[in-house]
Amino acid sequence: MRKVLGARLASCLAALIVVLVAGSPANAAEPGAFMEGFGNRAIEVLSKTQQGTPEREVELRRLLNDHFDVEFISRFVLSRFWRTASEQERAEFRRVFEDYVIAAYGRRFGGFNGERFAITGTYPQDDERSVVRSDVMRPGGETLTVDWRVQKRQGDGAWRIVDIVVEGVSMMVTQRSEFLAVLQREGSVAALNTRLKQITAGLNAQPVKGSTPS
């Protein structure tokens, strides 16, 4: 599970850390402006903090909570198991899932490599959902197409990211498939929570890129 999850998230992570745009505040009314604000904030975080430091972890966690609908994503990836899980199991899953994403995003990649990011279009699905399409241009000439699925969050109506689709591969659908494999084998959200804690601990134990293990 760890190998597959890491590989799938790597592409999504690459899309996150190479955002090179300047834009509007994160609570901007339109999806395109919202994504530009997200990119602007991502640049600030990555340029002012160092990989593997508590400061970067804090800022990445804030970036996640300010721009992603973690509650909606949690419900989706747990699928039918969300309904049968206890409130305690749900709350713990939200915590360990967030910790896992932060560990993967914060430690697997260190910084910029000359990539460029451009929003190429916004495609409304309805009044509350939209797809913001972007191209990530890598130094070697390769272009990666990334779709950011955003929707208005229940309650305050703020735009939030609910999925990242890299070259047609959905992060949310992939994670649900991987999580369901564990849930069907182990039979409980509690078991998945334990597994995610183990994966996160393993990620956090890895040496920071460029550092020398003690």
C-alpha atoms as a PDB file:
ATOM      1  CA  MET A   1       0.000   0.000   0.000  1.00  0.00           C
ATOM      2  CA  ARG A   2       2.771   2.423   0.933  1.00  0.00           C
ATOM      3  CA  LYS A   3       4.549   2.067  -2.409  1.00  0.00           C
ATOM      4  CA  VAL A   4       1.392   2.585  -4.458  1.00  0.00           C
ATOM      5  CA  LEU A   5       0.152   5.518  -2.387  1.00  0.00           C
ATOM      6  CA  GLY A   6       3.550   7.185  -2.529  1.00  0.00           C
ATOM      7  CA  ALA A   7       3.770   6.805  -6.292  1.00  0.00           C
ATOM      8  CA  ARG A   8       0.285   8.190  -6.883  1.00  0.00           C
ATOM      9  CA  LEU A   9       0.755  11.125  -4.544  1.00  0.00           C
ATOM     10  CA  ALA A  10       4.140  11.955  -6.020  1.00  0.00           C
ATOM     11  CA  SER A  11       2.592  13.225  -9.249  1.00  0.00           C
ATOM     12  CA  CYS A  12      -0.022  15.215  -7.349  1.00  0.00           C
ATOM     13  CA  LEU A  13       2.632  16.626  -5.064  1.00  0.00           C
ATOM     14  CA  ALA A  14       4.749  17.684  -7.998  1.00  0.00           C
ATOM     15  CA  ALA A  15       1.809  19.703  -9.266  1.00  0.00           C
ATOM     16  CA  LEU A  16       1.470  21.407  -5.894  1.00  0.00           C
ATOM     17  CA  ILE A  17       5.074  22.431  -5.299  1.00  0.00           C
ATOM     18  CA  VAL A  18       5.795  23.896  -8.737  1.00  0.00           C
ATOM     19  CA  VAL A  19       2.931  26.417  -8.812  1.00  0.00           C
ATOM     20  CA  LEU A  20       4.407  29.682 -10.095  1.00  0.00           C
ATOM     21  CA  VAL A  21       1.572  32.199 -10.241  1.00  0.00           C
ATOM     22  CA  ALA A  22       0.654  35.432  -8.542  1.00  0.00           C
ATOM     23  CA  GLY A  23      -2.967  35.968  -7.762  1.00  0.00           C
ATOM     24  CA  SER A  24      -5.855  36.898  -5.567  1.00  0.00           C
ATOM     25  CA  PRO A  25      -6.608  36.002  -1.951  1.00  0.00           C
ATOM     26  CA  ALA A  26      -7.595  32.395  -1.214  1.00  0.00           C
ATOM     27  CA  ASN A  27     -11.233  33.347  -0.591  1.00  0.00           C
ATOM     28  CA  ALA A  28     -11.662  34.930  -4.017  1.00  0.00           C
ATOM     29  CA  ALA A  29     -15.124  34.435  -5.480  1.00  0.00           C
ATOM     30  CA  GLU A  30     -14.145  32.793  -8.777  1.00  0.00           C
ATOM     31  CA  PRO A  31     -12.477  29.349  -9.096  1.00  0.00           C
ATOM     32  CA  GLY A  32      -9.655  30.626 -11.308  1.00  0.00           C
ATOM     33  CA  ALA A  33      -8.799  33.448  -8.914  1.00  0.00           C
ATOM     34  CA  PHE A  34      -9.037  31.037  -5.987  1.00  0.00           C
ATOM     35  CA  MET A  35      -6.496  28.730  -7.620  1.00  0.00           C
ATOM     36  CA  GLU A  36      -4.185  31.652  -8.381  1.00  0.00           C
ATOM     37  CA  GLY A  37      -4.349  32.616  -4.722  1.00  0.00           C
ATOM     38  CA  PHE A  38      -3.527  29.052  -3.768  1.00  0.00           C
ATOM     39  CA  GLY A  39      -0.506  29.084  -6.064  1.00  0.00           C
ATOM     40  CA  ASN A  40       0.698  32.393  -4.676  1.00  0.00           C
ATOM     41  CA  ARG A  41       0.500  31.020  -1.142  1.00  0.00           C
ATOM     42  CA  ALA A  42       2.242  27.766  -2.110  1.00  0.00           C
ATOM     43  CA  ILE A  43       5.187  29.719  -3.532  1.00  0.00           C
ATOM     44  CA  GLU A  44       5.472  31.744  -0.346  1.00  0.00           C
ATOM     45  CA  VAL A  45       5.493  28.621   1.815  1.00  0.00           C
ATOM     46  CA  LEU A  46       8.095  26.816  -0.268  1.00  0.00           C
ATOM     47  CA  SER A  47      10.365  29.817  -0.672  1.00  0.00           C
ATOM     48  CA  LYS A  48      10.376  30.842   2.995  1.00  0.00           C
ATOM     49  CA  THR A  49      10.600  27.450   4.699  1.00  0.00           C
ATOM     50  CA  GLN A  50      13.021  24.555   4.450  1.00  0.00           C
ATOM     51  CA  GLN A  51      12.172  20.930   3.784  1.00  0.00           C
ATOM     52  CA  GLY A  52      11.820  18.800   6.887  1.00  0.00           C
ATOM     53  CA  THR A  53      11.462  21.712   9.323  1.00  0.00           C
ATOM     54  CA  PRO A  54       8.582  22.226  11.772  1.00  0.00           C
ATOM     55  CA  GLU A  55       7.945  25.605  10.123  1.00  0.00           C
ATOM     56  CA  ARG A  56       7.252  24.000   6.752  1.00  0.00           C
ATOM     57  CA  GLU A  57       4.997  21.386   8.319  1.00  0.00           C
ATOM     58  CA  VAL A  58       2.966  24.083  10.059  1.00  0.00           C
ATOM     59  CA  GLU A  59       2.629  26.129   6.873  1.00  0.00           C
ATOM     60  CA  LEU A  60       1.745  23.126   4.705  1.00  0.00           C
ATOM     61  CA  ARG A  61      -0.907  22.115   7.221  1.00  0.00           C
ATOM     62  CA  ARG A  62      -2.344  25.622   7.081  1.00  0.00           C
ATOM     63  CA  LEU A  63      -2.228  25.545   3.274  1.00  0.00           C
ATOM     64  CA  LEU A  64      -4.090  22.228   3.280  1.00  0.00           C
ATOM     65  CA  ASN A  65      -6.778  23.375   5.678  1.00  0.00           C
ATOM     66  CA  ASP A  66      -7.235  26.754   4.000  1.00  0.00           C
ATOM     67  CA  HIS A  67      -7.557  25.432   0.451  1.00  0.00           C
ATOM     68  CA  PHE A  68      -8.755  21.805   0.580  1.00  0.00           C
ATOM     69  CA  ASP A  69     -12.088  20.456   1.804  1.00  0.00           C
ATOM     70  CA  VAL A  70     -10.583  17.796   4.068  1.00  0.00           C
ATOM     71  CA  GLU A  71     -13.982  16.842   5.478  1.00  0.00           C
ATOM     72  CA  PHE A  72     -15.454  16.163   2.027  1.00  0.00           C
ATOM     73  CA  ILE A  73     -12.359  14.245   0.883  1.00  0.00           C
ATOM     74  CA  SER A  74     -12.402  12.131   4.059  1.00  0.00           C
ATOM     75  CA  ARG A  75     -16.012  11.138   3.463  1.00  0.00           C
ATOM     76  CA  PHE A  76     -15.319  10.284  -0.164  1.00  0.00           C
ATOM     77  CA  VAL A  77     -12.224   8.161   0.328  1.00  0.00           C
ATOM     78  CA  LEU A  78     -13.832   6.150   3.130  1.00  0.00           C
ATOM     79  CA  SER A  79     -16.917   5.584   0.968  1.00  0.00           C
ATOM     80  CA  ARG A  80     -19.520   3.380   2.685  1.00  0.00           C
ATOM     81  CA  PHE A  81     -17.203   2.816   5.654  1.00  0.00           C
ATOM     82  CA  TRP A  82     -17.734   6.440   6.672  1.00  0.00           C
ATOM     83  CA  ARG A  83     -21.368   5.668   7.502  1.00  0.00           C
ATOM     84  CA  THR A  84     -20.526   2.690   9.696  1.00  0.00           C
ATOM     85  CA  ALA A  85     -17.526   4.270  11.436  1.00  0.00           C
ATOM     86  CA  SER A  86     -17.958   5.729  14.900  1.00  0.00           C
ATOM     87  CA  GLU A  87     -17.571   9.473  15.378  1.00  0.00           C
ATOM     88  CA  GLN A  88     -14.308   8.800  17.178  1.00  0.00           C
ATOM     89  CA  GLU A  89     -12.993   6.734  14.243  1.00  0.00           C
ATOM     90  CA  ARG A  90     -14.025   9.462  11.795  1.00  0.00           C
ATOM     91  CA  ALA A  91     -12.306  12.172  13.813  1.00  0.00           C
ATOM     92  CA  GLU A  92      -9.154  10.085  14.109  1.00  0.00           C
ATOM     93  CA  PHE A  93      -9.163   9.344  10.388  1.00  0.00           C
ATOM     94  CA  ARG A  94      -9.340  13.051   9.587  1.00  0.00           C
ATOM     95  CA  ARG A  95      -6.330  13.642  11.837  1.00  0.00           C
ATOM     96  CA  VAL A  96      -4.172  10.761  10.594  1.00  0.00           C
ATOM     97  CA  PHE A  97      -5.131  11.374   6.947  1.00  0.00           C
ATOM     98  CA  GLU A  98      -4.068  14.998   7.291  1.00  0.00           C
ATOM     99  CA  ASP A  99      -0.828  13.934   8.987  1.00  0.00           C
ATOM    100  CA  TYR A 100      -0.166  11.471   6.167  1.00  0.00           C
ATOM    101  CA  VAL A 101      -0.706  14.068   3.436  1.00  0.00           C
ATOM    102  CA  ILE A 102       1.510  16.588   5.228  1.00  0.00           C
ATOM    103  CA  ALA A 103       4.276  13.996   5.647  1.00  0.00           C
ATOM    104  CA  ALA A 104       4.117  13.001   1.978  1.00  0.00           C
ATOM    105  CA  TYR A 105       3.932  16.585   0.686  1.00  0.00           C
ATOM    106  CA  GLY A 106       6.476  17.976   3.098  1.00  0.00           C
ATOM    107  CA  ARG A 107       9.263  15.403   2.863  1.00  0.00           C
ATOM    108  CA  ARG A 108       9.238  13.742  -0.537  1.00  0.00           C
ATOM    109  CA  PHE A 109      10.120  16.895  -2.477  1.00  0.00           C
ATOM    110  CA  GLY A 110      12.447  19.689  -1.565  1.00  0.00           C
ATOM    111  CA  GLY A 111      11.880  22.678  -3.795  1.00  0.00           C
ATOM    112  CA  PHE A 112      11.707  24.159  -7.240  1.00  0.00           C
ATOM    113  CA  ASN A 113      13.467  22.767 -10.318  1.00  0.00           C
ATOM    114  CA  GLY A 114      12.633  25.401 -12.901  1.00  0.00           C
ATOM    115  CA  GLU A 115       9.063  24.279 -13.559  1.00  0.00           C
ATOM    116  CA  ARG A 116       6.364  26.675 -14.709  1.00  0.00           C
ATOM    117  CA  PHE A 117       2.639  26.587 -14.071  1.00  0.00           C
ATOM    118  CA  ALA A 118      -0.145  28.164 -16.121  1.00  0.00           C
ATOM    119  CA  ILE A 119      -3.916  28.042 -15.799  1.00  0.00           C
ATOM    120  CA  THR A 120      -5.307  27.205 -19.233  1.00  0.00           C
ATOM    121  CA  GLY A 121      -9.031  27.221 -18.560  1.00  0.00           C
ATOM    122  CA  THR A 122     -11.893  27.118 -16.083  1.00  0.00           C
ATOM    123  CA  TYR A 123     -14.805  24.787 -16.767  1.00  0.00           C
ATOM    124  CA  PRO A 124     -17.877  25.252 -14.546  1.00  0.00           C
ATOM    125  CA  GLN A 125     -19.795  22.038 -13.836  1.00  0.00           C
ATOM    126  CA  ASP A 126     -22.654  23.850 -12.134  1.00  0.00           C
ATOM    127  CA  ASP A 127     -23.084  26.775  -9.722  1.00  0.00           C
ATOM    128  CA  GLU A 128     -21.098  25.005  -6.996  1.00  0.00           C
ATOM    129  CA  ARG A 129     -18.492  22.937  -8.849  1.00  0.00           C
ATOM    130  CA  SER A 130     -15.789  23.727 -11.363  1.00  0.00           C
ATOM    131  CA  VAL A 131     -12.630  22.329 -12.925  1.00  0.00           C
ATOM    132  CA  VAL A 132      -9.570  24.552 -13.233  1.00  0.00           C
ATOM    133  CA  ARG A 133      -7.157  23.159 -15.819  1.00  0.00           C
ATOM    134  CA  SER A 134      -3.452  23.889 -15.721  1.00  0.00           C
ATOM    135  CA  ASP A 135      -0.245  22.927 -17.486  1.00  0.00           C
ATOM    136  CA  VAL A 136       2.961  22.256 -15.578  1.00  0.00           C
ATOM    137  CA  MET A 137       5.959  22.808 -17.832  1.00  0.00           C
ATOM    138  CA  ARG A 138       9.098  20.968 -16.744  1.00  0.00           C
ATOM    139  CA  PRO A 139      12.644  22.111 -17.598  1.00  0.00           C
ATOM    140  CA  GLY A 140      13.184  19.228 -20.016  1.00  0.00           C
ATOM    141  CA  GLY A 141      10.223  20.305 -22.113  1.00  0.00           C
ATOM    142  CA  GLU A 142       7.626  17.862 -20.774  1.00  0.00           C
ATOM    143  CA  THR A 143       4.194  19.330 -20.055  1.00  0.00           C
ATOM    144  CA  LEU A 144       1.957  17.805 -17.407  1.00  0.00           C
ATOM    145  CA  THR A 145      -1.790  18.509 -17.514  1.00  0.00           C
ATOM    146  CA  VAL A 146      -3.329  18.939 -14.077  1.00  0.00           C
ATOM    147  CA  ASP A 147      -7.021  19.466 -13.360  1.00  0.00           C
ATOM    148  CA  TRP A 148      -7.989  20.943  -9.998  1.00  0.00           C
ATOM    149  CA  ARG A 149     -11.564  20.050  -9.043  1.00  0.00           C
ATOM    150  CA  VAL A 150     -12.994  22.705  -6.786  1.00  0.00           C
ATOM    151  CA  GLN A 151     -16.387  23.141  -5.198  1.00  0.00           C
ATOM    152  CA  LYS A 152     -18.135  25.376  -2.707  1.00  0.00           C
ATOM    153  CA  ARG A 153     -17.878  24.083   0.830  1.00  0.00           C
ATOM    154  CA  GLN A 154     -21.092  23.431   2.680  1.00  0.00           C
ATOM    155  CA  GLY A 155     -21.783  26.033   5.306  1.00  0.00           C
ATOM    156  CA  ASP A 156     -19.765  29.045   4.177  1.00  0.00           C
ATOM    157  CA  GLY A 157     -19.814  28.559   0.389  1.00  0.00           C
ATOM    158  CA  ALA A 158     -16.045  29.085   0.108  1.00  0.00           C
ATOM    159  CA  TRP A 159     -14.249  27.457  -2.828  1.00  0.00           C
ATOM    160  CA  ARG A 160     -12.109  24.497  -1.815  1.00  0.00           C
ATOM    161  CA  ILE A 161     -10.061  21.905  -3.729  1.00  0.00           C
ATOM    162  CA  VAL A 162     -11.566  18.418  -3.557  1.00  0.00           C
ATOM    163  CA  ASP A 163      -9.435  16.554  -6.092  1.00  0.00           C
ATOM    164  CA  ILE A 164      -6.280  16.774  -8.194  1.00  0.00           C
ATOM    165  CA  VAL A 165      -6.350  14.938 -11.520  1.00  0.00           C
ATOM    166  CA  VAL A 166      -2.900  14.435 -13.042  1.00  0.00           C
ATOM    167  CA  GLU A 167      -2.903  13.239 -16.650  1.00  0.00           C
ATOM    168  CA  GLY A 168      -6.350  11.735 -16.091  1.00  0.00           C
ATOM    169  CA  VAL A 169      -5.476  10.045 -12.777  1.00  0.00           C
ATOM    170  CA  SER A 170      -7.626  11.231  -9.867  1.00  0.00           C
ATOM    171  CA  MET A 171      -5.879  11.515  -6.500  1.00  0.00           C
ATOM    172  CA  MET A 172      -9.169  11.106  -4.645  1.00  0.00           C
ATOM    173  CA  VAL A 173     -10.345   8.059  -6.601  1.00  0.00           C
ATOM    174  CA  THR A 174      -6.905   6.444  -6.340  1.00  0.00           C
ATOM    175  CA  GLN A 175      -6.748   6.963  -2.593  1.00  0.00           C
ATOM    176  CA  ARG A 176     -10.258   5.619  -2.139  1.00  0.00           C
ATOM    177  CA  SER A 177      -9.310   2.479  -4.061  1.00  0.00           C
ATOM    178  CA  GLU A 178      -6.194   1.974  -1.942  1.00  0.00           C
ATOM    179  CA  PHE A 179      -7.975   2.680   1.330  1.00  0.00           C
ATOM    180  CA  LEU A 180     -10.889   0.408   0.459  1.00  0.00           C
ATOM    181  CA  ALA A 181      -8.457  -2.445  -0.173  1.00  0.00           C
ATOM    182  CA  VAL A 182      -7.262  -2.108   3.419  1.00  0.00           C
ATOM    183  CA  LEU A 183     -10.777  -1.626   4.778  1.00  0.00           C
ATOM    184  CA  GLN A 184     -12.109  -4.699   3.005  1.00  0.00           C
ATOM    185  CA  ARG A 185      -9.176  -6.769   4.214  1.00  0.00           C
ATOM    186  CA  GLU A 186      -9.066  -5.467   7.792  1.00  0.00           C
ATOM    187  CA  GLY A 187     -12.749  -4.654   8.164  1.00  0.00           C
ATOM    188  CA  SER A 188     -12.578  -1.400  10.093  1.00  0.00           C
ATOM    189  CA  VAL A 189     -11.656   2.259   9.899  1.00  0.00           C
ATOM    190  CA  ALA A 190      -9.667   1.773  13.105  1.00  0.00           C
ATOM    191  CA  ALA A 191      -7.370  -0.662  11.265  1.00  0.00           C
ATOM    192  CA  LEU A 192      -6.914   1.814   8.414  1.00  0.00           C
ATOM    193  CA  ASN A 193      -6.080   4.541  10.914  1.00  0.00           C
ATOM    194  CA  THR A 194      -3.400   2.319  12.432  1.00  0.00           C
ATOM    195  CA  ARG A 195      -1.944   1.575   8.981  1.00  0.00           C
ATOM    196  CA  LEU A 196      -1.861   5.249   8.024  1.00  0.00           C
ATOM    197  CA  LYS A 197      -0.068   6.087  11.269  1.00  0.00           C
ATOM    198  CA  GLN A 198       2.568   3.483  10.407  1.00  0.00           C
ATOM    199  CA  ILE A 199       3.031   4.867   6.889  1.00  0.00           C
ATOM    200  CA  THR A 200       3.273   8.435   8.195  1.00  0.00           C
ATOM    201  CA  ALA A 201       5.822   7.429  10.823  1.00  0.00           C
ATOM    202  CA  GLY A 202       7.892   5.783   8.094  1.00  0.00           C
ATOM    203  CA  LEU A 203       7.762   8.917   5.937  1.00  0.00           C
ATOM    204  CA  ASN A 204       8.755  11.130   8.845  1.00  0.00           C
ATOM    205  CA  ALA A 205      11.675   8.833   9.665  1.00  0.00           C
ATOM    206  CA  GLN A 206      13.159   9.230   6.202  1.00  0.00           C
ATOM    207  CA  PRO A 207      16.185  11.540   5.955  1.00  0.00           C
ATOM    208  CA  VAL A 208      15.461  14.932   4.467  1.00  0.00           C
ATOM    209  CA  LYS A 209      16.651  15.142   0.872  1.00  0.00           C
ATOM    210  CA  GLY A 210      20.224  16.351   0.847  1.00  0.00           C
ATOM    211  CA  SER A 211      20.810  15.648   4.517  1.00  0.00           C
ATOM    212  CA  THR A 212      23.160  13.082   6.019  1.00  0.00           C
ATOM    213  CA  PRO A 213      21.569  10.382   8.200  1.00  0.00           C
ATOM    214  CA  SER A 214      22.869  10.294  11.752  1.00  0.00           C
END
